């Protein structure tokens, strides 16, 4: 094989590997100018029958340390949930990655307790058929690694990835293998990738305050 042909083949191989190894960005907030208030472009509220109305000022795109992020906050009776339709190939990019930074935690919250079921941040992936949800939660009163159903909506399955009220005001990066978690929670492999991703911040049950910054969200290879 000639040198020129070797170089061409090598170049093609590198390109293929690079394509396979690239992450699939769900959201990085870069298309939205700082100061954008309200529902971000491309995101939706919940369907009417499930709706937790997004109050004006509850969501704002800001700059934090040179990065573009979404600030989500709730007060007293507020519960903010937004969702975005996605198309993900879990065979190629099964690992969900994201960054979050909790500034204020809901007082006395515990997701297991129906009367105190608040959280400073939950990132969830949802399937429409069958209707299933895996929700990666920061549970103030929980234990990391614990898994349980939402006491108000049994189709939502929590996996606690952070607990307590520390670290506060610090960026944390998370990585979860969604395909593995699906098998663990539901006892079978997913037939396809999730249809939606959901973000929620709430403090309505504890009637306190919660505030969290959300950074980039993406699906990546193992």
C-alpha atoms as a PDB file:
ATOM      1  CA  UNK A   1       0.000   0.000   0.000  1.00  0.00           C
ATOM      2  CA  UNK A   2       1.448   3.390  -0.991  1.00  0.00           C
ATOM      3  CA  UNK A   3       2.136   6.170   1.455  1.00  0.00           C
ATOM      4  CA  UNK A   4      -0.584   8.391  -0.049  1.00  0.00           C
ATOM      5  CA  UNK A   5      -3.186   5.624   0.266  1.00  0.00           C
ATOM      6  CA  UNK A   6      -2.143   4.940   3.872  1.00  0.00           C
ATOM      7  CA  UNK A   7      -2.616   8.624   4.709  1.00  0.00           C
ATOM      8  CA  UNK A   8      -6.060   8.667   3.083  1.00  0.00           C
ATOM      9  CA  UNK A   9      -7.189   5.520   4.931  1.00  0.00           C
ATOM     10  CA  UNK A  10      -5.826   6.869   8.217  1.00  0.00           C
ATOM     11  CA  UNK A  11      -7.639  10.149   7.692  1.00  0.00           C
ATOM     12  CA  UNK A  12     -10.915   8.357   7.013  1.00  0.00           C
ATOM     13  CA  UNK A  13     -10.476   6.179  10.109  1.00  0.00           C
ATOM     14  CA  UNK A  14      -9.825   9.220  12.302  1.00  0.00           C
ATOM     15  CA  UNK A  15     -12.907  10.949  10.882  1.00  0.00           C
ATOM     16  CA  UNK A  16     -15.102   7.926  11.587  1.00  0.00           C
ATOM     17  CA  UNK A  17     -13.795   7.561  15.147  1.00  0.00           C
ATOM     18  CA  UNK A  18     -14.318  11.257  15.747  1.00  0.00           C
ATOM     19  CA  UNK A  19     -17.911  11.048  14.499  1.00  0.00           C
ATOM     20  CA  UNK A  20     -18.682   8.064  16.723  1.00  0.00           C
ATOM     21  CA  UNK A  21     -17.095   9.658  19.791  1.00  0.00           C
ATOM     22  CA  UNK A  22     -18.797  13.056  19.483  1.00  0.00           C
ATOM     23  CA  UNK A  23     -21.356  14.150  22.053  1.00  0.00           C
ATOM     24  CA  UNK A  24     -24.945  14.975  21.159  1.00  0.00           C
ATOM     25  CA  UNK A  25     -25.735  18.361  22.730  1.00  0.00           C
ATOM     26  CA  UNK A  26     -29.245  18.725  24.102  1.00  0.00           C
ATOM     27  CA  UNK A  27     -28.833  22.291  25.334  1.00  0.00           C
ATOM     28  CA  UNK A  28     -25.982  24.699  26.028  1.00  0.00           C
ATOM     29  CA  UNK A  29     -28.008  27.963  26.210  1.00  0.00           C
ATOM     30  CA  UNK A  30     -25.563  29.677  23.809  1.00  0.00           C
ATOM     31  CA  UNK A  31     -28.271  30.609  21.327  1.00  0.00           C
ATOM     32  CA  UNK A  32     -30.069  32.686  23.944  1.00  0.00           C
ATOM     33  CA  UNK A  33     -28.769  36.141  24.922  1.00  0.00           C
ATOM     34  CA  UNK A  34     -28.180  36.881  28.606  1.00  0.00           C
ATOM     35  CA  UNK A  35     -31.246  38.455  30.121  1.00  0.00           C
ATOM     36  CA  UNK A  36     -33.690  36.195  28.269  1.00  0.00           C
ATOM     37  CA  UNK A  37     -36.562  35.707  30.713  1.00  0.00           C
ATOM     38  CA  UNK A  38     -39.208  33.008  30.647  1.00  0.00           C
ATOM     39  CA  UNK A  39     -39.511  29.767  28.738  1.00  0.00           C
ATOM     40  CA  UNK A  40     -36.320  29.243  26.654  1.00  0.00           C
ATOM     41  CA  UNK A  41     -36.706  28.736  22.902  1.00  0.00           C
ATOM     42  CA  UNK A  42     -37.217  25.061  22.076  1.00  0.00           C
ATOM     43  CA  UNK A  43     -38.580  24.223  25.531  1.00  0.00           C
ATOM     44  CA  UNK A  44     -42.205  23.691  26.570  1.00  0.00           C
ATOM     45  CA  UNK A  45     -44.326  23.667  29.678  1.00  0.00           C
ATOM     46  CA  UNK A  46     -46.001  20.437  30.766  1.00  0.00           C
ATOM     47  CA  UNK A  47     -49.276  19.401  29.107  1.00  0.00           C
ATOM     48  CA  UNK A  48     -52.250  21.311  30.506  1.00  0.00           C
ATOM     49  CA  UNK A  49     -53.512  18.483  32.734  1.00  0.00           C
ATOM     50  CA  UNK A  50     -50.102  18.206  34.441  1.00  0.00           C
ATOM     51  CA  UNK A  51     -49.104  21.817  34.232  1.00  0.00           C
ATOM     52  CA  UNK A  52     -46.935  23.601  36.715  1.00  0.00           C
ATOM     53  CA  UNK A  53     -47.167  27.086  35.246  1.00  0.00           C
ATOM     54  CA  UNK A  54     -43.853  28.824  34.704  1.00  0.00           C
ATOM     55  CA  UNK A  55     -44.049  32.134  36.532  1.00  0.00           C
ATOM     56  CA  UNK A  56     -42.455  35.164  34.926  1.00  0.00           C
ATOM     57  CA  UNK A  57     -38.956  35.604  36.338  1.00  0.00           C
ATOM     58  CA  UNK A  58     -38.676  31.945  37.356  1.00  0.00           C
ATOM     59  CA  UNK A  59     -36.348  31.289  34.399  1.00  0.00           C
ATOM     60  CA  UNK A  60     -33.587  33.517  33.079  1.00  0.00           C
ATOM     61  CA  UNK A  61     -30.528  32.973  30.909  1.00  0.00           C
ATOM     62  CA  UNK A  62     -27.474  34.569  32.535  1.00  0.00           C
ATOM     63  CA  UNK A  63     -23.679  34.602  32.373  1.00  0.00           C
ATOM     64  CA  UNK A  64     -21.866  32.922  35.246  1.00  0.00           C
ATOM     65  CA  UNK A  65     -18.076  32.922  35.247  1.00  0.00           C
ATOM     66  CA  UNK A  66     -17.930  33.227  31.477  1.00  0.00           C
ATOM     67  CA  UNK A  67     -20.474  30.473  30.776  1.00  0.00           C
ATOM     68  CA  UNK A  68     -24.045  30.815  29.520  1.00  0.00           C
ATOM     69  CA  UNK A  69     -26.495  29.096  31.897  1.00  0.00           C
ATOM     70  CA  UNK A  70     -30.153  28.923  32.835  1.00  0.00           C
ATOM     71  CA  UNK A  71     -31.144  30.198  36.264  1.00  0.00           C
ATOM     72  CA  UNK A  72     -34.272  28.546  37.643  1.00  0.00           C
ATOM     73  CA  UNK A  73     -35.836  29.652  40.904  1.00  0.00           C
ATOM     74  CA  UNK A  74     -39.061  29.122  42.795  1.00  0.00           C
ATOM     75  CA  UNK A  75     -40.639  30.764  45.814  1.00  0.00           C
ATOM     76  CA  UNK A  76     -43.310  29.541  48.233  1.00  0.00           C
ATOM     77  CA  UNK A  77     -46.032  27.840  46.154  1.00  0.00           C
ATOM     78  CA  UNK A  78     -44.060  27.666  42.907  1.00  0.00           C
ATOM     79  CA  UNK A  79     -43.109  24.515  41.008  1.00  0.00           C
ATOM     80  CA  UNK A  80     -41.259  25.027  37.727  1.00  0.00           C
ATOM     81  CA  UNK A  81     -41.035  22.186  35.202  1.00  0.00           C
ATOM     82  CA  UNK A  82     -39.989  22.560  31.568  1.00  0.00           C
ATOM     83  CA  UNK A  83     -39.395  19.935  28.877  1.00  0.00           C
ATOM     84  CA  UNK A  84     -37.749  19.593  25.493  1.00  0.00           C
ATOM     85  CA  UNK A  85     -38.232  16.988  22.773  1.00  0.00           C
ATOM     86  CA  UNK A  86     -35.060  15.069  21.946  1.00  0.00           C
ATOM     87  CA  UNK A  87     -33.834  12.331  19.608  1.00  0.00           C
ATOM     88  CA  UNK A  88     -31.097  10.180  21.131  1.00  0.00           C
ATOM     89  CA  UNK A  89     -29.441   6.978  19.955  1.00  0.00           C
ATOM     90  CA  UNK A  90     -28.628   5.228  23.226  1.00  0.00           C
ATOM     91  CA  UNK A  91     -26.526   2.636  21.383  1.00  0.00           C
ATOM     92  CA  UNK A  92     -24.097   5.387  20.356  1.00  0.00           C
ATOM     93  CA  UNK A  93     -24.473   7.986  23.122  1.00  0.00           C
ATOM     94  CA  UNK A  94     -26.003   6.436  26.264  1.00  0.00           C
ATOM     95  CA  UNK A  95     -24.308   8.685  28.835  1.00  0.00           C
ATOM     96  CA  UNK A  96     -26.252  11.751  29.942  1.00  0.00           C
ATOM     97  CA  UNK A  97     -23.945  14.521  31.141  1.00  0.00           C
ATOM     98  CA  UNK A  98     -24.868  17.839  32.706  1.00  0.00           C
ATOM     99  CA  UNK A  99     -23.707  20.552  35.072  1.00  0.00           C
ATOM    100  CA  UNK A 100     -25.651  22.223  37.847  1.00  0.00           C
ATOM    101  CA  UNK A 101     -25.007  24.662  40.661  1.00  0.00           C
ATOM    102  CA  UNK A 102     -27.482  24.977  43.547  1.00  0.00           C
ATOM    103  CA  UNK A 103     -27.591  28.441  45.096  1.00  0.00           C
ATOM    104  CA  UNK A 104     -30.547  27.981  47.467  1.00  0.00           C
ATOM    105  CA  UNK A 105     -32.044  24.757  48.799  1.00  0.00           C
ATOM    106  CA  UNK A 106     -35.711  24.256  49.755  1.00  0.00           C
ATOM    107  CA  UNK A 107     -35.925  24.074  53.542  1.00  0.00           C
ATOM    108  CA  UNK A 108     -36.655  20.635  54.985  1.00  0.00           C
ATOM    109  CA  UNK A 109     -37.338  19.027  51.605  1.00  0.00           C
ATOM    110  CA  UNK A 110     -37.441  15.255  51.104  1.00  0.00           C
ATOM    111  CA  UNK A 111     -38.603  13.728  47.833  1.00  0.00           C
ATOM    112  CA  UNK A 112     -39.862  10.528  49.506  1.00  0.00           C
ATOM    113  CA  UNK A 113     -42.279  12.480  51.701  1.00  0.00           C
ATOM    114  CA  UNK A 114     -45.404  13.554  49.827  1.00  0.00           C
ATOM    115  CA  UNK A 115     -45.815  16.579  52.109  1.00  0.00           C
ATOM    116  CA  UNK A 116     -42.223  17.786  51.567  1.00  0.00           C
ATOM    117  CA  UNK A 117     -41.551  16.536  48.033  1.00  0.00           C
ATOM    118  CA  UNK A 118     -39.406  19.434  46.804  1.00  0.00           C
ATOM    119  CA  UNK A 119     -35.992  19.540  45.168  1.00  0.00           C
ATOM    120  CA  UNK A 120     -33.533  22.233  44.122  1.00  0.00           C
ATOM    121  CA  UNK A 121     -32.988  20.381  40.835  1.00  0.00           C
ATOM    122  CA  UNK A 122     -34.181  17.317  38.955  1.00  0.00           C
ATOM    123  CA  UNK A 123     -33.105  16.374  35.435  1.00  0.00           C
ATOM    124  CA  UNK A 124     -35.328  13.678  33.950  1.00  0.00           C
ATOM    125  CA  UNK A 125     -35.538  11.641  30.744  1.00  0.00           C
ATOM    126  CA  UNK A 126     -38.972  10.517  29.598  1.00  0.00           C
ATOM    127  CA  UNK A 127     -40.366   7.890  27.243  1.00  0.00           C
ATOM    128  CA  UNK A 128     -43.874   8.195  25.808  1.00  0.00           C
ATOM    129  CA  UNK A 129     -44.284   4.510  24.925  1.00  0.00           C
ATOM    130  CA  UNK A 130     -44.373   2.916  27.344  1.00  0.00           C
ATOM    131  CA  UNK A 131     -44.826   6.009  29.561  1.00  0.00           C
ATOM    132  CA  UNK A 132     -41.777   5.924  31.815  1.00  0.00           C
ATOM    133  CA  UNK A 133     -39.563   8.532  33.459  1.00  0.00           C
ATOM    134  CA  UNK A 134     -36.133   8.310  35.081  1.00  0.00           C
ATOM    135  CA  UNK A 135     -35.501  11.404  37.188  1.00  0.00           C
ATOM    136  CA  UNK A 136     -31.985  12.222  38.386  1.00  0.00           C
ATOM    137  CA  UNK A 137     -32.507  14.179  41.560  1.00  0.00           C
ATOM    138  CA  UNK A 138     -30.723  16.364  44.066  1.00  0.00           C
ATOM    139  CA  UNK A 139     -32.654  15.270  47.155  1.00  0.00           C
ATOM    140  CA  UNK A 140     -31.999  17.426  50.205  1.00  0.00           C
ATOM    141  CA  UNK A 141     -33.291  14.761  52.612  1.00  0.00           C
ATOM    142  CA  UNK A 142     -32.245  11.699  50.644  1.00  0.00           C
ATOM    143  CA  UNK A 143     -29.325   9.304  50.311  1.00  0.00           C
ATOM    144  CA  UNK A 144     -27.142   9.190  47.196  1.00  0.00           C
ATOM    145  CA  UNK A 145     -27.834   6.045  45.195  1.00  0.00           C
ATOM    146  CA  UNK A 146     -31.349   5.512  46.525  1.00  0.00           C
ATOM    147  CA  UNK A 147     -34.128   4.773  44.033  1.00  0.00           C
ATOM    148  CA  UNK A 148     -37.865   5.164  44.544  1.00  0.00           C
ATOM    149  CA  UNK A 149     -41.058   6.246  42.836  1.00  0.00           C
ATOM    150  CA  UNK A 150     -42.365   9.763  43.050  1.00  0.00           C
ATOM    151  CA  UNK A 151     -45.004   9.660  45.821  1.00  0.00           C
ATOM    152  CA  UNK A 152     -47.306  11.783  43.650  1.00  0.00           C
ATOM    153  CA  UNK A 153     -46.654  10.239  40.212  1.00  0.00           C
ATOM    154  CA  UNK A 154     -45.771   6.547  40.170  1.00  0.00           C
ATOM    155  CA  UNK A 155     -44.475   6.614  36.589  1.00  0.00           C
ATOM    156  CA  UNK A 156     -41.618   8.872  37.723  1.00  0.00           C
ATOM    157  CA  UNK A 157     -38.676   6.892  39.108  1.00  0.00           C
ATOM    158  CA  UNK A 158     -36.147   8.889  41.099  1.00  0.00           C
ATOM    159  CA  UNK A 159     -32.444   8.125  41.248  1.00  0.00           C
ATOM    160  CA  UNK A 160     -30.736  10.329  43.845  1.00  0.00           C
ATOM    161  CA  UNK A 161     -27.400  11.558  42.483  1.00  0.00           C
ATOM    162  CA  UNK A 162     -26.785  14.320  45.071  1.00  0.00           C
ATOM    163  CA  UNK A 163     -28.097  14.855  48.592  1.00  0.00           C
ATOM    164  CA  UNK A 164     -27.922  17.341  51.426  1.00  0.00           C
ATOM    165  CA  UNK A 165     -27.165  21.041  51.080  1.00  0.00           C
ATOM    166  CA  UNK A 166     -23.530  20.833  50.022  1.00  0.00           C
ATOM    167  CA  UNK A 167     -21.789  21.814  47.878  1.00  0.00           C
ATOM    168  CA  UNK A 168     -23.581  25.142  47.715  1.00  0.00           C
ATOM    169  CA  UNK A 169     -22.844  27.692  44.967  1.00  0.00           C
ATOM    170  CA  UNK A 170     -20.424  25.256  43.308  1.00  0.00           C
ATOM    171  CA  UNK A 171     -20.568  23.790  39.810  1.00  0.00           C
ATOM    172  CA  UNK A 172     -20.931  20.014  39.795  1.00  0.00           C
ATOM    173  CA  UNK A 173     -20.704  17.741  36.740  1.00  0.00           C
ATOM    174  CA  UNK A 174     -22.850  14.604  36.558  1.00  0.00           C
ATOM    175  CA  UNK A 175     -22.660  11.536  34.289  1.00  0.00           C
ATOM    176  CA  UNK A 176     -25.282   8.792  34.115  1.00  0.00           C
ATOM    177  CA  UNK A 177     -25.527   5.832  31.765  1.00  0.00           C
ATOM    178  CA  UNK A 178     -29.200   6.066  30.828  1.00  0.00           C
ATOM    179  CA  UNK A 179     -29.294   2.669  29.101  1.00  0.00           C
ATOM    180  CA  UNK A 180     -27.865   0.957  32.199  1.00  0.00           C
ATOM    181  CA  UNK A 181     -30.185   2.873  34.525  1.00  0.00           C
ATOM    182  CA  UNK A 182     -33.202   1.921  32.388  1.00  0.00           C
ATOM    183  CA  UNK A 183     -32.320  -1.765  32.653  1.00  0.00           C
ATOM    184  CA  UNK A 184     -31.789  -1.437  36.386  1.00  0.00           C
ATOM    185  CA  UNK A 185     -35.079   0.379  37.023  1.00  0.00           C
ATOM    186  CA  UNK A 186     -37.383  -1.424  34.588  1.00  0.00           C
ATOM    187  CA  UNK A 187     -35.693  -4.811  34.234  1.00  0.00           C
ATOM    188  CA  UNK A 188     -35.317  -4.645  30.462  1.00  0.00           C
ATOM    189  CA  UNK A 189     -33.336  -2.803  27.808  1.00  0.00           C
ATOM    190  CA  UNK A 190     -34.881   0.341  26.306  1.00  0.00           C
ATOM    191  CA  UNK A 191     -36.359  -0.182  22.856  1.00  0.00           C
ATOM    192  CA  UNK A 192     -35.354   3.337  21.868  1.00  0.00           C
ATOM    193  CA  UNK A 193     -33.994   6.527  23.337  1.00  0.00           C
ATOM    194  CA  UNK A 194     -36.024   8.927  25.480  1.00  0.00           C
ATOM    195  CA  UNK A 195     -38.435  11.296  23.738  1.00  0.00           C
ATOM    196  CA  UNK A 196     -38.054  14.208  26.136  1.00  0.00           C
ATOM    197  CA  UNK A 197     -35.792  15.725  28.706  1.00  0.00           C
ATOM    198  CA  UNK A 198     -37.276  17.605  31.651  1.00  0.00           C
ATOM    199  CA  UNK A 199     -35.926  20.128  34.156  1.00  0.00           C
ATOM    200  CA  UNK A 200     -37.612  20.941  37.424  1.00  0.00           C
ATOM    201  CA  UNK A 201     -37.005  23.108  40.468  1.00  0.00           C
ATOM    202  CA  UNK A 202     -39.634  23.322  43.187  1.00  0.00           C
ATOM    203  CA  UNK A 203     -40.320  24.528  46.688  1.00  0.00           C
ATOM    204  CA  UNK A 204     -44.121  24.525  46.795  1.00  0.00           C
ATOM    205  CA  UNK A 205     -44.585  21.758  49.389  1.00  0.00           C
ATOM    206  CA  UNK A 206     -42.132  23.271  51.883  1.00  0.00           C
ATOM    207  CA  UNK A 207     -43.217  26.815  50.964  1.00  0.00           C
ATOM    208  CA  UNK A 208     -39.604  27.895  50.899  1.00  0.00           C
ATOM    209  CA  UNK A 209     -37.174  28.983  48.160  1.00  0.00           C
ATOM    210  CA  UNK A 210     -35.042  27.095  45.646  1.00  0.00           C
ATOM    211  CA  UNK A 211     -32.597  28.456  43.080  1.00  0.00           C
ATOM    212  CA  UNK A 212     -30.305  26.536  40.730  1.00  0.00           C
ATOM    213  CA  UNK A 213     -28.103  27.236  37.721  1.00  0.00           C
ATOM    214  CA  UNK A 214     -28.208  24.691  34.898  1.00  0.00           C
ATOM    215  CA  UNK A 215     -25.274  24.390  32.508  1.00  0.00           C
ATOM    216  CA  UNK A 216     -24.747  22.307  29.349  1.00  0.00           C
ATOM    217  CA  UNK A 217     -26.711  19.086  28.855  1.00  0.00           C
ATOM    218  CA  UNK A 218     -25.547  16.409  26.408  1.00  0.00           C
ATOM    219  CA  UNK A 219     -25.497  12.708  25.582  1.00  0.00           C
ATOM    220  CA  UNK A 220     -22.044  11.195  25.111  1.00  0.00           C
ATOM    221  CA  UNK A 221     -20.469   7.784  24.372  1.00  0.00           C
ATOM    222  CA  UNK A 222     -19.323   5.571  27.210  1.00  0.00           C
END
